[in-house]
Amino acid sequence: EAERLRLEEEEKARLEAEEAKRLSLEEGEKARLEAEEAERLRLEEEEKARLEAEEKTRLEAEEAERLRLEEEEKARLEAEEAERLRLEEEEKARLEAEEKARLEAEEAERLRLEEEEKARVEAEETARLGAEEAERLKLEREEQARLVAEEKARLEAEEKARLEAEEKARLEAEEAERLRLEEEERLR
């Protein structure tokens, strides 16, 4: 009886040992599978992060290119506008110069005709009044002509000074605008 009990105990112990070994192997397999799953998830997260970083870099590069193209277009339009304004100013100056030349030519022709008429009248007067009276009139008219010429010269000098002041102001304004645009370009 004692032998049978001993054999039963040994059998029971063997079965328990086998069960414990089986459970241990199952736990090891479960742990291995969990480790593999954790590694797979980690690799998935790394890949996702890499793709997100690549996408972010691509979008940032696209935005930078868009901004660069916008700046180039803005600069082109500003340059075109500046050229248009320059051409307008040149055309305006040309037309003003032509108009001034035309008016001066008309004035010169008017004065020439006046002088011719005056000379004709003086010749008639000289013939009528005699040499002495004609000489007196000639001296008076020369004085008058001198005064008229001085007045004309004064007016022309004032006009020239005014035009030079306007040209200086225009050039200073253009220089100020150029410096402002350079400053804006430097700040960009």
C-alpha atoms as a PDB file:
ATOM      1  CA  GLU A   1       0.000   0.000   0.000  1.00  0.00           C
ATOM      2  CA  ALA A   2       2.804   2.382   0.854  1.00  0.00           C
ATOM      3  CA  GLU A   3       4.484   1.592  -2.488  1.00  0.00           C
ATOM      4  CA  ARG A   4       1.281   2.348  -4.381  1.00  0.00           C
ATOM      5  CA  LEU A   5       0.864   5.641  -2.625  1.00  0.00           C
ATOM      6  CA  ARG A   6       4.472   6.546  -3.369  1.00  0.00           C
ATOM      7  CA  LEU A   7       4.011   5.739  -7.052  1.00  0.00           C
ATOM      8  CA  GLU A   8       0.808   7.792  -7.148  1.00  0.00           C
ATOM      9  CA  GLU A   9       2.616  10.732  -5.536  1.00  0.00           C
ATOM     10  CA  GLU A  10       5.481  10.423  -8.040  1.00  0.00           C
ATOM     11  CA  GLU A  11       2.984  10.261 -10.957  1.00  0.00           C
ATOM     12  CA  LYS A  12       1.125  13.258  -9.587  1.00  0.00           C
ATOM     13  CA  ALA A  13       4.392  15.172  -9.182  1.00  0.00           C
ATOM     14  CA  ARG A  14       5.452  14.251 -12.752  1.00  0.00           C
ATOM     15  CA  LEU A  15       2.122  15.406 -14.175  1.00  0.00           C
ATOM     16  CA  GLU A  16       2.316  18.647 -12.206  1.00  0.00           C
ATOM     17  CA  ALA A  17       5.864  19.221 -13.459  1.00  0.00           C
ATOM     18  CA  GLU A  18       4.767  18.619 -17.062  1.00  0.00           C
ATOM     19  CA  GLU A  19       1.804  21.011 -16.586  1.00  0.00           C
ATOM     20  CA  ALA A  20       4.108  23.644 -15.121  1.00  0.00           C
ATOM     21  CA  LYS A  21       6.508  23.224 -18.065  1.00  0.00           C
ATOM     22  CA  ARG A  22       3.636  23.516 -20.538  1.00  0.00           C
ATOM     23  CA  LEU A  23       2.350  26.649 -18.843  1.00  0.00           C
ATOM     24  CA  SER A  24       5.873  28.086 -18.806  1.00  0.00           C
ATOM     25  CA  LEU A  25       6.246  27.425 -22.544  1.00  0.00           C
ATOM     26  CA  GLU A  26       2.845  29.026 -23.189  1.00  0.00           C
ATOM     27  CA  GLU A  27       3.832  32.104 -21.140  1.00  0.00           C
ATOM     28  CA  GLY A  28       7.122  32.370 -23.060  1.00  0.00           C
ATOM     29  CA  GLU A  29       5.297  32.140 -26.424  1.00  0.00           C
ATOM     30  CA  LYS A  30       2.754  34.721 -25.287  1.00  0.00           C
ATOM     31  CA  ALA A  31       5.561  37.039 -24.177  1.00  0.00           C
ATOM     32  CA  ARG A  32       7.378  36.520 -27.506  1.00  0.00           C
ATOM     33  CA  LEU A  33       4.208  37.327 -29.479  1.00  0.00           C
ATOM     34  CA  GLU A  34       3.556  40.411 -27.329  1.00  0.00           C
ATOM     35  CA  ALA A  35       7.156  41.557 -27.883  1.00  0.00           C
ATOM     36  CA  GLU A  36       6.796  41.049 -31.644  1.00  0.00           C
ATOM     37  CA  GLU A  37       3.507  43.020 -31.637  1.00  0.00           C
ATOM     38  CA  ALA A  38       5.113  45.822 -29.622  1.00  0.00           C
ATOM     39  CA  GLU A  39       8.040  45.944 -32.096  1.00  0.00           C
ATOM     40  CA  ARG A  40       5.626  45.989 -35.047  1.00  0.00           C
ATOM     41  CA  LEU A  41       3.676  48.875 -33.494  1.00  0.00           C
ATOM     42  CA  ARG A  42       6.923  50.747 -32.781  1.00  0.00           C
ATOM     43  CA  LEU A  43       8.064  50.341 -36.394  1.00  0.00           C
ATOM     44  CA  GLU A  44       4.625  51.494 -37.598  1.00  0.00           C
ATOM     45  CA  GLU A  45       4.867  54.596 -35.393  1.00  0.00           C
ATOM     46  CA  GLU A  46       8.391  55.322 -36.679  1.00  0.00           C
ATOM     47  CA  GLU A  47       7.220  54.968 -40.308  1.00  0.00           C
ATOM     48  CA  LYS A  48       4.188  57.165 -39.627  1.00  0.00           C
ATOM     49  CA  ALA A  49       6.426  59.816 -38.007  1.00  0.00           C
ATOM     50  CA  ARG A  50       8.866  59.635 -40.945  1.00  0.00           C
ATOM     51  CA  LEU A  51       6.064  60.063 -43.500  1.00  0.00           C
ATOM     52  CA  GLU A  52       4.572  62.963 -41.505  1.00  0.00           C
ATOM     53  CA  ALA A  53       7.990  64.650 -41.347  1.00  0.00           C
ATOM     54  CA  GLU A  54       8.476  64.185 -45.092  1.00  0.00           C
ATOM     55  CA  GLU A  55       4.997  65.626 -45.772  1.00  0.00           C
ATOM     56  CA  LYS A  56       5.669  68.594 -43.487  1.00  0.00           C
ATOM     57  CA  THR A  57       8.992  69.253 -45.242  1.00  0.00           C
ATOM     58  CA  ARG A  58       7.311  69.031 -48.659  1.00  0.00           C
ATOM     59  CA  LEU A  59       4.526  71.443 -47.644  1.00  0.00           C
ATOM     60  CA  GLU A  60       7.029  73.895 -46.153  1.00  0.00           C
ATOM     61  CA  ALA A  61       9.088  73.773 -49.364  1.00  0.00           C
ATOM     62  CA  GLU A  62       5.951  74.374 -51.459  1.00  0.00           C
ATOM     63  CA  GLU A  63       4.959  77.336 -49.255  1.00  0.00           C
ATOM     64  CA  ALA A  64       8.467  78.810 -49.499  1.00  0.00           C
ATOM     65  CA  GLU A  65       8.391  78.454 -53.297  1.00  0.00           C
ATOM     66  CA  ARG A  66       4.928  80.069 -53.433  1.00  0.00           C
ATOM     67  CA  LEU A  67       6.148  83.013 -51.356  1.00  0.00           C
ATOM     68  CA  ARG A  68       9.268  83.349 -53.515  1.00  0.00           C
ATOM     69  CA  LEU A  69       7.172  83.436 -56.688  1.00  0.00           C
ATOM     70  CA  GLU A  70       4.821  85.990 -55.095  1.00  0.00           C
ATOM     71  CA  GLU A  71       7.796  88.209 -54.209  1.00  0.00           C
ATOM     72  CA  GLU A  72       9.206  87.890 -57.737  1.00  0.00           C
ATOM     73  CA  GLU A  73       5.815  88.804 -59.243  1.00  0.00           C
ATOM     74  CA  LYS A  74       5.447  91.758 -56.865  1.00  0.00           C
ATOM     75  CA  ALA A  75       8.939  93.003 -57.758  1.00  0.00           C
ATOM     76  CA  ARG A  76       8.199  92.599 -61.489  1.00  0.00           C
ATOM     77  CA  LEU A  77       4.959  94.568 -61.220  1.00  0.00           C
ATOM     78  CA  GLU A  78       6.657  97.311 -59.195  1.00  0.00           C
ATOM     79  CA  ALA A  79       9.440  97.546 -61.775  1.00  0.00           C
ATOM     80  CA  GLU A  80       6.884  97.749 -64.604  1.00  0.00           C
ATOM     81  CA  GLU A  81       4.966 100.471 -62.754  1.00  0.00           C
ATOM     82  CA  ALA A  82       8.182 102.432 -62.137  1.00  0.00           C
ATOM     83  CA  GLU A  83       9.104 102.148 -65.835  1.00  0.00           C
ATOM     84  CA  ARG A  84       5.606 103.246 -66.858  1.00  0.00           C
ATOM     85  CA  LEU A  85       5.799 106.287 -64.602  1.00  0.00           C
ATOM     86  CA  ARG A  86       9.284 107.114 -65.926  1.00  0.00           C
ATOM     87  CA  LEU A  87       8.055 106.963 -69.512  1.00  0.00           C
ATOM     88  CA  GLU A  88       5.042 109.119 -68.597  1.00  0.00           C
ATOM     89  CA  GLU A  89       7.349 111.718 -67.051  1.00  0.00           C
ATOM     90  CA  GLU A  90       9.606 111.668 -70.126  1.00  0.00           C
ATOM     91  CA  GLU A  91       6.613 112.106 -72.441  1.00  0.00           C
ATOM     92  CA  LYS A  92       5.214 114.905 -70.273  1.00  0.00           C
ATOM     93  CA  ALA A  93       8.596 116.686 -70.262  1.00  0.00           C
ATOM     94  CA  ARG A  94       8.897 116.266 -74.059  1.00  0.00           C
ATOM     95  CA  LEU A  95       5.431 117.720 -74.678  1.00  0.00           C
ATOM     96  CA  GLU A  96       6.100 120.608 -72.295  1.00  0.00           C
ATOM     97  CA  ALA A  97       9.406 121.357 -74.056  1.00  0.00           C
ATOM     98  CA  GLU A  98       7.691 121.265 -77.466  1.00  0.00           C
ATOM     99  CA  GLU A  99       4.915 123.563 -76.223  1.00  0.00           C
ATOM    100  CA  LYS A 100       7.437 125.978 -74.721  1.00  0.00           C
ATOM    101  CA  ALA A 101       9.441 126.024 -77.965  1.00  0.00           C
ATOM    102  CA  ARG A 102       6.256 126.647 -79.981  1.00  0.00           C
ATOM    103  CA  LEU A 103       5.195 129.528 -77.742  1.00  0.00           C
ATOM    104  CA  GLU A 104       8.668 131.042 -77.850  1.00  0.00           C
ATOM    105  CA  ALA A 105       8.685 130.811 -81.652  1.00  0.00           C
ATOM    106  CA  GLU A 106       5.269 132.438 -81.826  1.00  0.00           C
ATOM    107  CA  GLU A 107       6.421 135.189 -79.455  1.00  0.00           C
ATOM    108  CA  ALA A 108       9.582 135.753 -81.494  1.00  0.00           C
ATOM    109  CA  GLU A 109       7.540 135.991 -84.703  1.00  0.00           C
ATOM    110  CA  ARG A 110       5.103 138.397 -83.044  1.00  0.00           C
ATOM    111  CA  LEU A 111       7.959 140.590 -81.845  1.00  0.00           C
ATOM    112  CA  ARG A 112       9.586 140.486 -85.282  1.00  0.00           C
ATOM    113  CA  LEU A 113       6.357 141.619 -86.909  1.00  0.00           C
ATOM    114  CA  GLU A 114       5.933 144.321 -84.256  1.00  0.00           C
ATOM    115  CA  GLU A 115       9.476 145.499 -84.903  1.00  0.00           C
ATOM    116  CA  GLU A 116       8.839 145.583 -88.645  1.00  0.00           C
ATOM    117  CA  GLU A 117       5.618 147.510 -88.132  1.00  0.00           C
ATOM    118  CA  LYS A 118       7.307 149.831 -85.688  1.00  0.00           C
ATOM    119  CA  ALA A 119      10.154 150.406 -88.125  1.00  0.00           C
ATOM    120  CA  ARG A 120       7.703 151.123 -90.914  1.00  0.00           C
ATOM    121  CA  VAL A 121       5.774 153.603 -88.771  1.00  0.00           C
ATOM    122  CA  GLU A 122       9.029 155.204 -87.602  1.00  0.00           C
ATOM    123  CA  ALA A 123      10.176 155.563 -91.181  1.00  0.00           C
ATOM    124  CA  GLU A 124       6.945 157.248 -92.074  1.00  0.00           C
ATOM    125  CA  GLU A 125       7.187 159.493 -89.004  1.00  0.00           C
ATOM    126  CA  THR A 126      10.800 160.317 -89.747  1.00  0.00           C
ATOM    127  CA  ALA A 127       9.889 161.382 -93.213  1.00  0.00           C
ATOM    128  CA  ARG A 128       7.035 163.446 -91.860  1.00  0.00           C
ATOM    129  CA  LEU A 129       8.565 165.083 -88.788  1.00  0.00           C
ATOM    130  CA  GLY A 130      12.112 165.589 -89.816  1.00  0.00           C
ATOM    131  CA  ALA A 131      15.445 164.385 -88.661  1.00  0.00           C
ATOM    132  CA  GLU A 132      15.632 166.080 -85.236  1.00  0.00           C
ATOM    133  CA  GLU A 133      12.232 164.932 -84.049  1.00  0.00           C
ATOM    134  CA  ALA A 134      12.889 161.493 -85.453  1.00  0.00           C
ATOM    135  CA  GLU A 135      16.159 161.289 -83.518  1.00  0.00           C
ATOM    136  CA  ARG A 136      14.370 162.217 -80.285  1.00  0.00           C
ATOM    137  CA  LEU A 137      11.703 159.602 -80.938  1.00  0.00           C
ATOM    138  CA  LYS A 138      14.360 157.053 -81.790  1.00  0.00           C
ATOM    139  CA  LEU A 139      16.151 157.681 -78.502  1.00  0.00           C
ATOM    140  CA  GLU A 140      12.889 157.410 -76.579  1.00  0.00           C
ATOM    141  CA  ARG A 141      11.987 154.166 -78.293  1.00  0.00           C
ATOM    142  CA  GLU A 142      15.440 152.752 -77.767  1.00  0.00           C
ATOM    143  CA  GLU A 143      15.057 153.499 -74.065  1.00  0.00           C
ATOM    144  CA  GLN A 144      11.612 151.916 -74.085  1.00  0.00           C
ATOM    145  CA  ALA A 145      12.972 148.910 -75.950  1.00  0.00           C
ATOM    146  CA  ARG A 146      15.809 148.656 -73.427  1.00  0.00           C
ATOM    147  CA  LEU A 147      13.347 148.687 -70.541  1.00  0.00           C
ATOM    148  CA  VAL A 148      11.145 146.086 -72.290  1.00  0.00           C
ATOM    149  CA  ALA A 149      14.202 143.918 -72.940  1.00  0.00           C
ATOM    150  CA  GLU A 150      15.295 144.181 -69.296  1.00  0.00           C
ATOM    151  CA  GLU A 151      11.800 143.252 -68.125  1.00  0.00           C
ATOM    152  CA  LYS A 152      11.694 140.334 -70.530  1.00  0.00           C
ATOM    153  CA  ALA A 153      15.134 139.158 -69.356  1.00  0.00           C
ATOM    154  CA  ARG A 154      14.003 139.424 -65.730  1.00  0.00           C
ATOM    155  CA  LEU A 155      10.841 137.406 -66.432  1.00  0.00           C
ATOM    156  CA  GLU A 156      12.820 134.771 -68.364  1.00  0.00           C
ATOM    157  CA  ALA A 157      15.313 134.486 -65.478  1.00  0.00           C
ATOM    158  CA  GLU A 158      12.458 134.021 -63.000  1.00  0.00           C
ATOM    159  CA  GLU A 159      10.858 131.381 -65.264  1.00  0.00           C
ATOM    160  CA  LYS A 160      14.173 129.575 -65.638  1.00  0.00           C
ATOM    161  CA  ALA A 161      14.697 129.601 -61.845  1.00  0.00           C
ATOM    162  CA  ARG A 162      11.150 128.277 -61.316  1.00  0.00           C
ATOM    163  CA  LEU A 163      11.658 125.435 -63.824  1.00  0.00           C
ATOM    164  CA  GLU A 164      15.028 124.538 -62.294  1.00  0.00           C
ATOM    165  CA  ALA A 165      13.455 124.459 -58.821  1.00  0.00           C
ATOM    166  CA  GLU A 166      10.646 122.193 -60.092  1.00  0.00           C
ATOM    167  CA  GLU A 167      13.163 119.871 -61.787  1.00  0.00           C
ATOM    168  CA  LYS A 168      15.280 119.741 -58.619  1.00  0.00           C
ATOM    169  CA  ALA A 169      12.187 118.927 -56.533  1.00  0.00           C
ATOM    170  CA  ARG A 170      11.145 116.196 -58.999  1.00  0.00           C
ATOM    171  CA  LEU A 171      14.636 114.614 -58.936  1.00  0.00           C
ATOM    172  CA  GLU A 172      14.720 114.761 -55.123  1.00  0.00           C
ATOM    173  CA  ALA A 173      11.281 113.090 -54.977  1.00  0.00           C
ATOM    174  CA  GLU A 174      12.463 110.351 -57.361  1.00  0.00           C
ATOM    175  CA  GLU A 175      15.603 109.821 -55.255  1.00  0.00           C
ATOM    176  CA  ALA A 176      13.517 109.634 -52.075  1.00  0.00           C
ATOM    177  CA  GLU A 177      11.201 107.063 -53.731  1.00  0.00           C
ATOM    178  CA  ARG A 178      14.205 105.034 -54.909  1.00  0.00           C
ATOM    179  CA  LEU A 179      15.710 105.046 -51.397  1.00  0.00           C
ATOM    180  CA  ARG A 180      12.316 104.045 -49.911  1.00  0.00           C
ATOM    181  CA  LEU A 181      12.043 101.087 -52.312  1.00  0.00           C
ATOM    182  CA  GLU A 182      15.632 100.062 -51.533  1.00  0.00           C
ATOM    183  CA  GLU A 183      14.872 100.221 -47.807  1.00  0.00           C
ATOM    184  CA  GLU A 184      11.757  98.092 -48.273  1.00  0.00           C
ATOM    185  CA  GLU A 185      13.771  95.594 -50.346  1.00  0.00           C
ATOM    186  CA  ARG A 186      16.491  95.513 -47.645  1.00  0.00           C
ATOM    187  CA  LEU A 187      13.915  94.911 -44.890  1.00  0.00           C
ATOM    188  CA  ARG A 188      12.335  92.067 -46.854  1.00  0.00           C
END
